[in-house]
Amino acid sequence: MRQTADRDPLSSSDPASPVARSGQSQQELLQQLALRGAWRSILEAIKGQQIADQEQLLCQAAYYTLALIKLRNYTAATAELLKLGDLDAAHLTKTADDGRSVSMVPFSLRWLQADTQEQPDKMYQLLDYCTQQLEGNTLLAGTLKSLRATQRLHSISLQDDDFAAAVSDQADSPLSSQEKHAQMWARRQHMVVCNLVNRHVRSKEYKVALRWLSWLLTERRDDPGLWSVVGYVQLMLGDIAVADRTFHKAAELLSAAQTPEQKQRNQAIVRRHQGLLLFARNDFAGAACVLHLQALWCCVGAGACSSQ
């Protein structure tokens, strides 16, 4: 676990008040404060409250722990997670309307518990949990199979989480509640795998990372960012020719950009790919030229945007 700062490095000023508006629930207040980055206000809003409802208590624990992590108080965050004990304990479950026993623990709390560990064991356990949610329910497993067959998992955003606002519906592809539920767990599964890839890359376990990236590509074949990451890892393994083909695939997907801003951003990504390939081939002058041009384009683009 990382060291706790002696003093919170963030400013003590907080733009939001921890007082709920009329008609606003405690959970809505905490969500709004989190979206504003008002981490100290979250601590103030929760501290000292006596709540009997177990689900509300777990929800507050998730926000409280997140706030401590954002304020870099890692020791206190770890202590909060240890207080909760086993998140799969029987007293943290409830009986659903269909008679099934379901967990009351927010996924965000499971994520925080796994992400704060240096070793990937907890994150692998979380991956197993996501897979179990998807495959353990026959109806959900069938829905997931249908989504895969129609390639509707390829465009799932990995930016959303339990602390953010709800995912907006796609106007051109309305989903049933069952499909939304399957997409939610698939997105969580993808996020966990991305976390594992990051961990293995940091540990220079590139082949393990590449195996997980290959699995992700079966789920998200139209994701240019994912193809880029695969190319980076292939370069680290010294597979320059393979990385070149991977970057070419990423460039094909990036060429579908519509707006000028998207096109400019995607061109910068393609130039970075070109620079990295030249660097890997020991063409340092060529790499420096391409990356220098990229930096110039970024400056010109930023100036153009600011002048509008």
C-alpha atoms as a PDB file:
ATOM      1  CA  MET A   1       0.000   0.000   0.000  1.00  0.00           C
ATOM      2  CA  ARG A   2       1.197   3.488  -0.825  1.00  0.00           C
ATOM      3  CA  GLN A   3       2.332   5.816   1.933  1.00  0.00           C
ATOM      4  CA  THR A   4      -0.110   8.253   3.479  1.00  0.00           C
ATOM      5  CA  ALA A   5       0.678  11.911   3.090  1.00  0.00           C
ATOM      6  CA  ASP A   6       1.210  13.757   6.376  1.00  0.00           C
ATOM      7  CA  ARG A   7      -1.159  16.425   5.181  1.00  0.00           C
ATOM      8  CA  ASP A   8      -3.815  16.236   2.496  1.00  0.00           C
ATOM      9  CA  PRO A   9      -2.165  17.780  -0.579  1.00  0.00           C
ATOM     10  CA  LEU A  10      -5.431  19.082  -1.989  1.00  0.00           C
ATOM     11  CA  SER A  11      -6.753  22.497  -1.154  1.00  0.00           C
ATOM     12  CA  SER A  12      -8.969  22.728   1.910  1.00  0.00           C
ATOM     13  CA  SER A  13     -11.451  24.825  -0.016  1.00  0.00           C
ATOM     14  CA  ASP A  14     -14.418  22.827  -1.326  1.00  0.00           C
ATOM     15  CA  PRO A  15     -16.820  24.118  -3.978  1.00  0.00           C
ATOM     16  CA  ALA A  16     -19.819  22.223  -2.698  1.00  0.00           C
ATOM     17  CA  SER A  17     -21.731  22.176   0.536  1.00  0.00           C
ATOM     18  CA  PRO A  18     -22.442  18.772   2.116  1.00  0.00           C
ATOM     19  CA  VAL A  19     -26.056  19.761   2.752  1.00  0.00           C
ATOM     20  CA  ALA A  20     -28.734  17.968   0.754  1.00  0.00           C
ATOM     21  CA  ARG A  21     -31.281  20.085  -1.081  1.00  0.00           C
ATOM     22  CA  SER A  22     -34.958  19.648  -0.388  1.00  0.00           C
ATOM     23  CA  GLY A  23     -36.140  16.328  -1.809  1.00  0.00           C
ATOM     24  CA  GLN A  24     -32.591  15.151  -2.519  1.00  0.00           C
ATOM     25  CA  SER A  25     -31.585  11.789  -1.077  1.00  0.00           C
ATOM     26  CA  GLN A  26     -28.275  11.205   0.678  1.00  0.00           C
ATOM     27  CA  GLN A  27     -27.085   9.029  -2.207  1.00  0.00           C
ATOM     28  CA  GLU A  28     -27.943  11.732  -4.752  1.00  0.00           C
ATOM     29  CA  LEU A  29     -26.030  14.275  -2.676  1.00  0.00           C
ATOM     30  CA  LEU A  30     -22.970  12.025  -2.490  1.00  0.00           C
ATOM     31  CA  GLN A  31     -23.109  11.374  -6.236  1.00  0.00           C
ATOM     32  CA  GLN A  32     -23.259  15.090  -7.010  1.00  0.00           C
ATOM     33  CA  LEU A  33     -20.358  15.813  -4.661  1.00  0.00           C
ATOM     34  CA  ALA A  34     -18.301  13.045  -6.270  1.00  0.00           C
ATOM     35  CA  LEU A  35     -19.006  14.370  -9.766  1.00  0.00           C
ATOM     36  CA  ARG A  36     -17.770  17.789  -8.612  1.00  0.00           C
ATOM     37  CA  GLY A  37     -14.674  16.322  -6.986  1.00  0.00           C
ATOM     38  CA  ALA A  38     -15.773  17.633  -3.584  1.00  0.00           C
ATOM     39  CA  TRP A  39     -14.058  14.855  -1.653  1.00  0.00           C
ATOM     40  CA  ARG A  40     -13.769  16.683   1.670  1.00  0.00           C
ATOM     41  CA  SER A  41     -17.476  17.494   1.576  1.00  0.00           C
ATOM     42  CA  ILE A  42     -18.215  13.785   1.117  1.00  0.00           C
ATOM     43  CA  LEU A  43     -16.272  12.996   4.289  1.00  0.00           C
ATOM     44  CA  GLU A  44     -18.149  15.729   6.147  1.00  0.00           C
ATOM     45  CA  ALA A  45     -21.531  14.556   4.847  1.00  0.00           C
ATOM     46  CA  ILE A  46     -20.953  10.964   5.983  1.00  0.00           C
ATOM     47  CA  LYS A  47     -18.947  11.404   9.176  1.00  0.00           C
ATOM     48  CA  GLY A  48     -20.888  10.674  12.346  1.00  0.00           C
ATOM     49  CA  GLN A  49     -24.066   9.494  10.626  1.00  0.00           C
ATOM     50  CA  GLN A  50     -25.914   6.554  12.142  1.00  0.00           C
ATOM     51  CA  ILE A  51     -27.559   4.423   9.452  1.00  0.00           C
ATOM     52  CA  ALA A  52     -29.379   1.169  10.119  1.00  0.00           C
ATOM     53  CA  ASP A  53     -30.032   0.186   6.504  1.00  0.00           C
ATOM     54  CA  GLN A  54     -27.217  -2.140   5.367  1.00  0.00           C
ATOM     55  CA  GLU A  55     -27.409  -1.162   1.691  1.00  0.00           C
ATOM     56  CA  GLN A  56     -27.165   2.552   2.464  1.00  0.00           C
ATOM     57  CA  LEU A  57     -24.270   1.840   4.801  1.00  0.00           C
ATOM     58  CA  LEU A  58     -22.369  -0.002   2.064  1.00  0.00           C
ATOM     59  CA  CYS A  59     -23.081   2.766  -0.419  1.00  0.00           C
ATOM     60  CA  GLN A  60     -21.725   5.348   2.009  1.00  0.00           C
ATOM     61  CA  ALA A  61     -18.669   3.173   2.646  1.00  0.00           C
ATOM     62  CA  ALA A  62     -17.934   3.210  -1.090  1.00  0.00           C
ATOM     63  CA  TYR A  63     -18.111   7.006  -1.330  1.00  0.00           C
ATOM     64  CA  TYR A  64     -16.198   7.477   1.932  1.00  0.00           C
ATOM     65  CA  THR A  65     -13.386   5.152   0.825  1.00  0.00           C
ATOM     66  CA  LEU A  66     -13.201   6.770  -2.610  1.00  0.00           C
ATOM     67  CA  ALA A  67     -12.956  10.217  -1.021  1.00  0.00           C
ATOM     68  CA  LEU A  68     -10.085   9.061   1.211  1.00  0.00           C
ATOM     69  CA  ILE A  69      -8.242   7.639  -1.803  1.00  0.00           C
ATOM     70  CA  LYS A  70      -8.766  10.817  -3.818  1.00  0.00           C
ATOM     71  CA  LEU A  71      -7.339  12.778  -0.884  1.00  0.00           C
ATOM     72  CA  ARG A  72      -4.396  10.324  -0.863  1.00  0.00           C
ATOM     73  CA  ASN A  73      -5.139   9.093   2.634  1.00  0.00           C
ATOM     74  CA  TYR A  74      -4.440   5.500   1.648  1.00  0.00           C
ATOM     75  CA  THR A  75      -3.919   4.182   5.168  1.00  0.00           C
ATOM     76  CA  ALA A  76      -7.357   5.390   6.278  1.00  0.00           C
ATOM     77  CA  ALA A  77      -8.920   3.989   3.096  1.00  0.00           C
ATOM     78  CA  THR A  78      -7.357   0.591   3.755  1.00  0.00           C
ATOM     79  CA  ALA A  79      -8.643   0.676   7.332  1.00  0.00           C
ATOM     80  CA  GLU A  80     -12.169   1.411   6.088  1.00  0.00           C
ATOM     81  CA  LEU A  81     -12.023  -1.544   3.699  1.00  0.00           C
ATOM     82  CA  LEU A  82     -10.708  -3.847   6.441  1.00  0.00           C
ATOM     83  CA  LYS A  83     -13.648  -2.866   8.673  1.00  0.00           C
ATOM     84  CA  LEU A  84     -16.025  -4.304   6.086  1.00  0.00           C
ATOM     85  CA  GLY A  85     -14.365  -7.724   6.149  1.00  0.00           C
ATOM     86  CA  ASP A  86     -15.431 -10.321   3.592  1.00  0.00           C
ATOM     87  CA  LEU A  87     -17.636  -8.634   0.978  1.00  0.00           C
ATOM     88  CA  ASP A  88     -19.153 -12.022   0.111  1.00  0.00           C
ATOM     89  CA  ALA A  89     -20.324 -12.672   3.675  1.00  0.00           C
ATOM     90  CA  ALA A  90     -23.897 -13.903   4.100  1.00  0.00           C
ATOM     91  CA  HIS A  91     -25.029 -10.836   6.075  1.00  0.00           C
ATOM     92  CA  LEU A  92     -24.206  -8.656   3.048  1.00  0.00           C
ATOM     93  CA  THR A  93     -26.752 -10.436   0.841  1.00  0.00           C
ATOM     94  CA  LYS A  94     -30.503 -10.091   0.427  1.00  0.00           C
ATOM     95  CA  THR A  95     -33.279 -12.106  -1.190  1.00  0.00           C
ATOM     96  CA  ALA A  96     -34.396 -10.795  -4.567  1.00  0.00           C
ATOM     97  CA  ASP A  97     -37.992 -10.806  -5.825  1.00  0.00           C
ATOM     98  CA  ASP A  98     -37.349 -14.045  -7.717  1.00  0.00           C
ATOM     99  CA  GLY A  99     -36.035 -15.743  -4.581  1.00  0.00           C
ATOM    100  CA  ARG A 100     -32.352 -15.541  -5.500  1.00  0.00           C
ATOM    101  CA  SER A 101     -29.757 -14.444  -2.957  1.00  0.00           C
ATOM    102  CA  VAL A 102     -28.030 -11.318  -4.278  1.00  0.00           C
ATOM    103  CA  SER A 103     -25.207  -9.197  -2.919  1.00  0.00           C
ATOM    104  CA  MET A 104     -25.916  -5.744  -1.480  1.00  0.00           C
ATOM    105  CA  VAL A 105     -22.288  -4.671  -1.981  1.00  0.00           C
ATOM    106  CA  PRO A 106     -21.885  -1.945  -4.658  1.00  0.00           C
ATOM    107  CA  PHE A 107     -19.540  -2.964  -7.443  1.00  0.00           C
ATOM    108  CA  SER A 108     -17.580   0.226  -6.829  1.00  0.00           C
ATOM    109  CA  LEU A 109     -16.719  -1.004  -3.339  1.00  0.00           C
ATOM    110  CA  ARG A 110     -15.449  -4.313  -4.714  1.00  0.00           C
ATOM    111  CA  TRP A 111     -13.408  -2.372  -7.265  1.00  0.00           C
ATOM    112  CA  LEU A 112     -11.833  -0.149  -4.595  1.00  0.00           C
ATOM    113  CA  GLN A 113     -10.941  -3.181  -2.483  1.00  0.00           C
ATOM    114  CA  ALA A 114      -9.224  -4.866  -5.438  1.00  0.00           C
ATOM    115  CA  ASP A 115      -7.568  -1.746  -6.851  1.00  0.00           C
ATOM    116  CA  THR A 116      -5.906  -0.763  -3.572  1.00  0.00           C
ATOM    117  CA  GLN A 117      -3.996  -4.050  -3.443  1.00  0.00           C
ATOM    118  CA  GLU A 118      -0.460  -4.151  -4.837  1.00  0.00           C
ATOM    119  CA  GLN A 119      -0.818  -7.757  -5.991  1.00  0.00           C
ATOM    120  CA  PRO A 120      -3.372  -8.625  -8.713  1.00  0.00           C
ATOM    121  CA  ASP A 121      -4.999 -11.481  -6.764  1.00  0.00           C
ATOM    122  CA  LYS A 122      -8.026  -9.431  -5.661  1.00  0.00           C
ATOM    123  CA  MET A 123      -8.492  -8.049  -9.159  1.00  0.00           C
ATOM    124  CA  TYR A 124      -8.496 -11.587 -10.566  1.00  0.00           C
ATOM    125  CA  GLN A 125     -11.102 -12.509  -7.943  1.00  0.00           C
ATOM    126  CA  LEU A 126     -13.154  -9.533  -9.101  1.00  0.00           C
ATOM    127  CA  LEU A 127     -12.851 -10.761 -12.694  1.00  0.00           C
ATOM    128  CA  ASP A 128     -14.189 -14.151 -11.583  1.00  0.00           C
ATOM    129  CA  TYR A 129     -17.057 -12.365  -9.832  1.00  0.00           C
ATOM    130  CA  CYS A 130     -17.965 -10.438 -13.022  1.00  0.00           C
ATOM    131  CA  THR A 131     -17.800 -13.612 -15.108  1.00  0.00           C
ATOM    132  CA  GLN A 132     -20.014 -15.391 -12.585  1.00  0.00           C
ATOM    133  CA  GLN A 133     -22.609 -12.601 -12.795  1.00  0.00           C
ATOM    134  CA  LEU A 134     -22.643 -12.894 -16.587  1.00  0.00           C
ATOM    135  CA  GLU A 135     -22.585 -16.660 -16.940  1.00  0.00           C
ATOM    136  CA  GLY A 136     -24.265 -17.813 -13.724  1.00  0.00           C
ATOM    137  CA  ASN A 137     -27.655 -16.445 -14.771  1.00  0.00           C
ATOM    138  CA  THR A 138     -29.031 -18.415 -17.740  1.00  0.00           C
ATOM    139  CA  LEU A 139     -31.178 -15.533 -18.992  1.00  0.00           C
ATOM    140  CA  LEU A 140     -28.330 -13.018 -18.719  1.00  0.00           C
ATOM    141  CA  ALA A 141     -25.905 -15.415 -20.402  1.00  0.00           C
ATOM    142  CA  GLY A 142     -28.306 -15.775 -23.329  1.00  0.00           C
ATOM    143  CA  THR A 143     -28.669 -12.000 -23.612  1.00  0.00           C
ATOM    144  CA  LEU A 144     -24.894 -11.582 -23.569  1.00  0.00           C
ATOM    145  CA  LYS A 145     -24.544 -14.156 -26.337  1.00  0.00           C
ATOM    146  CA  SER A 146     -27.032 -12.196 -28.439  1.00  0.00           C
ATOM    147  CA  LEU A 147     -25.176  -8.918 -27.829  1.00  0.00           C
ATOM    148  CA  ARG A 148     -21.913 -10.548 -28.879  1.00  0.00           C
ATOM    149  CA  ALA A 149     -23.486 -11.985 -32.025  1.00  0.00           C
ATOM    150  CA  THR A 150     -24.738  -8.543 -33.072  1.00  0.00           C
ATOM    151  CA  GLN A 151     -21.435  -6.871 -32.083  1.00  0.00           C
ATOM    152  CA  ARG A 152     -23.186  -4.571 -29.613  1.00  0.00           C
ATOM    153  CA  LEU A 153     -20.452  -5.024 -27.020  1.00  0.00           C
ATOM    154  CA  HIS A 154     -17.854  -3.347 -29.241  1.00  0.00           C
ATOM    155  CA  SER A 155     -18.931   0.200 -28.450  1.00  0.00           C
ATOM    156  CA  ILE A 156     -19.400  -0.091 -24.681  1.00  0.00           C
ATOM    157  CA  SER A 157     -17.802   2.897 -22.990  1.00  0.00           C
ATOM    158  CA  LEU A 158     -15.182   2.102 -20.372  1.00  0.00           C
ATOM    159  CA  GLN A 159     -15.436   5.609 -18.919  1.00  0.00           C
ATOM    160  CA  ASP A 160     -18.604   5.068 -16.910  1.00  0.00           C
ATOM    161  CA  ASP A 161     -18.700   3.683 -13.400  1.00  0.00           C
ATOM    162  CA  ASP A 162     -20.959   3.516 -10.389  1.00  0.00           C
ATOM    163  CA  PHE A 163     -19.918   7.001  -9.213  1.00  0.00           C
ATOM    164  CA  ALA A 164     -20.804   8.660 -12.512  1.00  0.00           C
ATOM    165  CA  ALA A 165     -24.184   9.501 -13.937  1.00  0.00           C
ATOM    166  CA  ALA A 166     -26.177   6.693 -15.490  1.00  0.00           C
ATOM    167  CA  VAL A 167     -25.218   5.620 -18.985  1.00  0.00           C
ATOM    168  CA  SER A 168     -27.427   7.359 -21.529  1.00  0.00           C
ATOM    169  CA  ASP A 169     -29.400   5.212 -23.956  1.00  0.00           C
ATOM    170  CA  GLN A 170     -28.245   5.000 -27.544  1.00  0.00           C
ATOM    171  CA  ALA A 171     -30.930   6.656 -29.650  1.00  0.00           C
ATOM    172  CA  ASP A 172     -30.199   4.493 -32.666  1.00  0.00           C
ATOM    173  CA  SER A 173     -30.091   1.217 -30.767  1.00  0.00           C
ATOM    174  CA  PRO A 174     -32.565   1.051 -27.872  1.00  0.00           C
ATOM    175  CA  LEU A 175     -31.840  -1.756 -25.426  1.00  0.00           C
ATOM    176  CA  SER A 176     -34.139  -3.743 -23.201  1.00  0.00           C
ATOM    177  CA  SER A 177     -33.561  -3.687 -19.441  1.00  0.00           C
ATOM    178  CA  GLN A 178     -32.043  -7.168 -19.685  1.00  0.00           C
ATOM    179  CA  GLU A 179     -29.657  -6.030 -22.435  1.00  0.00           C
ATOM    180  CA  LYS A 180     -28.653  -2.990 -20.390  1.00  0.00           C
ATOM    181  CA  HIS A 181     -27.955  -5.244 -17.412  1.00  0.00           C
ATOM    182  CA  ALA A 182     -25.804  -7.546 -19.543  1.00  0.00           C
ATOM    183  CA  GLN A 183     -23.930  -4.567 -21.008  1.00  0.00           C
ATOM    184  CA  MET A 184     -23.315  -3.192 -17.526  1.00  0.00           C
ATOM    185  CA  TRP A 185     -21.651  -6.404 -16.342  1.00  0.00           C
ATOM    186  CA  ALA A 186     -19.756  -6.797 -19.619  1.00  0.00           C
ATOM    187  CA  ARG A 187     -18.409  -3.251 -19.226  1.00  0.00           C
ATOM    188  CA  ARG A 188     -17.331  -4.020 -15.684  1.00  0.00           C
ATOM    189  CA  GLN A 189     -15.634  -7.196 -16.860  1.00  0.00           C
ATOM    190  CA  HIS A 190     -13.775  -5.238 -19.561  1.00  0.00           C
ATOM    191  CA  MET A 191     -12.696  -2.598 -17.040  1.00  0.00           C
ATOM    192  CA  VAL A 192     -11.255  -5.271 -14.742  1.00  0.00           C
ATOM    193  CA  VAL A 193      -9.334  -6.842 -17.639  1.00  0.00           C
ATOM    194  CA  CYS A 194      -7.967  -3.397 -18.589  1.00  0.00           C
ATOM    195  CA  ASN A 195      -6.780  -2.969 -15.009  1.00  0.00           C
ATOM    196  CA  LEU A 196      -5.050  -6.366 -15.159  1.00  0.00           C
ATOM    197  CA  VAL A 197      -3.390  -5.448 -18.465  1.00  0.00           C
ATOM    198  CA  ASN A 198      -2.060  -2.269 -16.875  1.00  0.00           C
ATOM    199  CA  ARG A 199      -0.720  -4.189 -13.888  1.00  0.00           C
ATOM    200  CA  HIS A 200       1.044  -6.785 -16.049  1.00  0.00           C
ATOM    201  CA  VAL A 201       2.571  -4.115 -18.295  1.00  0.00           C
ATOM    202  CA  ARG A 202       3.905  -2.258 -15.244  1.00  0.00           C
ATOM    203  CA  SER A 203       5.438  -5.547 -14.086  1.00  0.00           C
ATOM    204  CA  LYS A 204       6.908  -6.048 -17.603  1.00  0.00           C
ATOM    205  CA  GLU A 205       4.837  -9.217 -18.029  1.00  0.00           C
ATOM    206  CA  TYR A 206       4.091  -8.285 -21.613  1.00  0.00           C
ATOM    207  CA  LYS A 207       3.041 -11.719 -22.850  1.00  0.00           C
ATOM    208  CA  VAL A 208       0.448 -12.049 -20.105  1.00  0.00           C
ATOM    209  CA  ALA A 209      -0.822  -8.546 -20.891  1.00  0.00           C
ATOM    210  CA  LEU A 210      -1.020  -9.415 -24.590  1.00  0.00           C
ATOM    211  CA  ARG A 211      -3.106 -12.523 -23.867  1.00  0.00           C
ATOM    212  CA  TRP A 212      -5.667 -10.410 -22.026  1.00  0.00           C
ATOM    213  CA  LEU A 213      -5.601  -7.784 -24.785  1.00  0.00           C
ATOM    214  CA  SER A 214      -6.254 -10.521 -27.345  1.00  0.00           C
ATOM    215  CA  TRP A 215      -9.306 -11.565 -25.322  1.00  0.00           C
ATOM    216  CA  LEU A 216     -10.513  -7.962 -25.191  1.00  0.00           C
ATOM    217  CA  LEU A 217     -10.178  -7.698 -28.970  1.00  0.00           C
ATOM    218  CA  THR A 218     -12.664 -10.547 -29.364  1.00  0.00           C
ATOM    219  CA  GLU A 219     -15.124  -8.377 -27.432  1.00  0.00           C
ATOM    220  CA  ARG A 220     -14.164  -4.923 -28.776  1.00  0.00           C
ATOM    221  CA  ARG A 221     -12.800  -5.364 -32.302  1.00  0.00           C
ATOM    222  CA  ASP A 222     -13.853  -1.853 -33.372  1.00  0.00           C
ATOM    223  CA  ASP A 223     -12.019  -0.062 -30.546  1.00  0.00           C
ATOM    224  CA  PRO A 224      -9.039   1.838 -32.084  1.00  0.00           C
ATOM    225  CA  GLY A 225      -7.668   2.700 -28.661  1.00  0.00           C
ATOM    226  CA  LEU A 226      -7.462  -0.983 -27.808  1.00  0.00           C
ATOM    227  CA  TRP A 227      -5.652  -1.752 -31.074  1.00  0.00           C
ATOM    228  CA  SER A 228      -3.178   1.023 -30.212  1.00  0.00           C
ATOM    229  CA  VAL A 229      -2.447  -0.501 -26.814  1.00  0.00           C
ATOM    230  CA  VAL A 230      -1.916  -3.913 -28.434  1.00  0.00           C
ATOM    231  CA  GLY A 231       0.597  -2.297 -30.796  1.00  0.00           C
ATOM    232  CA  TYR A 232       2.460  -0.677 -27.898  1.00  0.00           C
ATOM    233  CA  VAL A 233       2.793  -4.006 -26.092  1.00  0.00           C
ATOM    234  CA  GLN A 234       3.931  -5.735 -29.290  1.00  0.00           C
ATOM    235  CA  LEU A 235       6.644  -3.101 -29.663  1.00  0.00           C
ATOM    236  CA  MET A 236       7.781  -3.800 -26.102  1.00  0.00           C
ATOM    237  CA  LEU A 237       8.110  -7.466 -27.087  1.00  0.00           C
ATOM    238  CA  GLY A 238      10.174  -6.468 -30.134  1.00  0.00           C
ATOM    239  CA  ASP A 239       7.555  -7.591 -32.695  1.00  0.00           C
ATOM    240  CA  ILE A 240       7.957  -4.520 -34.910  1.00  0.00           C
ATOM    241  CA  ALA A 241       6.353  -5.981 -38.056  1.00  0.00           C
ATOM    242  CA  VAL A 242       3.342  -7.242 -36.103  1.00  0.00           C
ATOM    243  CA  ALA A 243       3.025  -3.904 -34.298  1.00  0.00           C
ATOM    244  CA  ASP A 244       3.116  -2.135 -37.685  1.00  0.00           C
ATOM    245  CA  ARG A 245       0.122  -4.181 -38.876  1.00  0.00           C
ATOM    246  CA  THR A 246      -1.688  -3.534 -35.602  1.00  0.00           C
ATOM    247  CA  PHE A 247      -1.150   0.224 -35.875  1.00  0.00           C
ATOM    248  CA  HIS A 248      -2.395   0.048 -39.477  1.00  0.00           C
ATOM    249  CA  LYS A 249      -5.632  -1.526 -38.206  1.00  0.00           C
ATOM    250  CA  ALA A 250      -5.937   1.220 -35.582  1.00  0.00           C
ATOM    251  CA  ALA A 251      -5.412   3.858 -38.290  1.00  0.00           C
ATOM    252  CA  GLU A 252      -8.212   2.344 -40.398  1.00  0.00           C
ATOM    253  CA  LEU A 253     -10.623   2.610 -37.469  1.00  0.00           C
ATOM    254  CA  LEU A 254      -9.427   6.116 -36.598  1.00  0.00           C
ATOM    255  CA  SER A 255     -10.040   7.291 -40.170  1.00  0.00           C
ATOM    256  CA  ALA A 256     -13.787   7.040 -39.539  1.00  0.00           C
ATOM    257  CA  ALA A 257     -13.685  10.218 -37.414  1.00  0.00           C
ATOM    258  CA  GLN A 258     -16.434  12.717 -38.251  1.00  0.00           C
ATOM    259  CA  THR A 259     -15.726  16.054 -36.563  1.00  0.00           C
ATOM    260  CA  PRO A 260     -12.620  18.224 -37.175  1.00  0.00           C
ATOM    261  CA  GLU A 261     -11.640  17.819 -33.521  1.00  0.00           C
ATOM    262  CA  GLN A 262     -11.817  14.028 -33.789  1.00  0.00           C
ATOM    263  CA  LYS A 263      -9.832  14.029 -37.025  1.00  0.00           C
ATOM    264  CA  GLN A 264      -7.097  16.204 -35.523  1.00  0.00           C
ATOM    265  CA  ARG A 265      -6.859  14.047 -32.401  1.00  0.00           C
ATOM    266  CA  ASN A 266      -6.778  10.834 -34.430  1.00  0.00           C
ATOM    267  CA  GLN A 267      -4.112  12.174 -36.789  1.00  0.00           C
ATOM    268  CA  ALA A 268      -1.954  12.893 -33.745  1.00  0.00           C
ATOM    269  CA  ILE A 269      -2.407   9.285 -32.586  1.00  0.00           C
ATOM    270  CA  VAL A 270      -1.408   7.952 -36.020  1.00  0.00           C
ATOM    271  CA  ARG A 271       1.702  10.166 -36.046  1.00  0.00           C
ATOM    272  CA  ARG A 272       2.631   8.871 -32.607  1.00  0.00           C
ATOM    273  CA  HIS A 273       2.355   5.319 -33.939  1.00  0.00           C
ATOM    274  CA  GLN A 274       4.632   6.262 -36.850  1.00  0.00           C
ATOM    275  CA  GLY A 275       7.157   7.862 -34.515  1.00  0.00           C
ATOM    276  CA  LEU A 276       7.254   4.849 -32.229  1.00  0.00           C
ATOM    277  CA  LEU A 277       7.790   2.485 -35.171  1.00  0.00           C
ATOM    278  CA  LEU A 278      10.669   4.621 -36.464  1.00  0.00           C
ATOM    279  CA  PHE A 279      12.186   4.705 -32.983  1.00  0.00           C
ATOM    280  CA  ALA A 280      11.905   0.914 -32.689  1.00  0.00           C
ATOM    281  CA  ARG A 281      13.729   0.610 -36.040  1.00  0.00           C
ATOM    282  CA  ASN A 282      16.544   2.818 -34.699  1.00  0.00           C
ATOM    283  CA  ASP A 283      15.609   5.667 -37.038  1.00  0.00           C
ATOM    284  CA  PHE A 284      15.924   8.177 -34.226  1.00  0.00           C
ATOM    285  CA  ALA A 285      16.138  11.229 -36.512  1.00  0.00           C
ATOM    286  CA  GLY A 286      12.963  10.199 -38.337  1.00  0.00           C
ATOM    287  CA  ALA A 287      11.185   9.502 -35.055  1.00  0.00           C
ATOM    288  CA  ALA A 288      12.230  12.874 -33.657  1.00  0.00           C
ATOM    289  CA  CYS A 289      10.967  14.596 -36.810  1.00  0.00           C
ATOM    290  CA  VAL A 290       7.565  12.883 -36.716  1.00  0.00           C
ATOM    291  CA  LEU A 291       7.076  13.475 -32.998  1.00  0.00           C
ATOM    292  CA  HIS A 292       8.227  17.082 -33.355  1.00  0.00           C
ATOM    293  CA  LEU A 293       5.657  17.610 -36.107  1.00  0.00           C
ATOM    294  CA  GLN A 294       3.038  16.051 -33.858  1.00  0.00           C
ATOM    295  CA  ALA A 295       3.894  18.525 -31.095  1.00  0.00           C
ATOM    296  CA  LEU A 296       3.638  21.408 -33.582  1.00  0.00           C
ATOM    297  CA  TRP A 297       0.270  20.189 -34.827  1.00  0.00           C
ATOM    298  CA  CYS A 298      -0.989  19.982 -31.244  1.00  0.00           C
ATOM    299  CA  CYS A 299       0.108  23.562 -30.608  1.00  0.00           C
ATOM    300  CA  VAL A 300      -1.477  24.793 -33.840  1.00  0.00           C
ATOM    301  CA  GLY A 301      -4.671  22.888 -33.047  1.00  0.00           C
ATOM    302  CA  ALA A 302      -4.807  24.299 -29.531  1.00  0.00           C
ATOM    303  CA  GLY A 303      -4.310  27.809 -30.915  1.00  0.00           C
ATOM    304  CA  ALA A 304      -7.020  27.335 -33.503  1.00  0.00           C
ATOM    305  CA  CYS A 305      -9.453  26.091 -30.869  1.00  0.00           C
ATOM    306  CA  SER A 306      -8.678  28.956 -28.483  1.00  0.00           C
ATOM    307  CA  SER A 307      -9.139  31.549 -31.222  1.00  0.00           C
ATOM    308  CA  GLN A 308     -12.634  30.368 -32.095  1.00  0.00           C
END
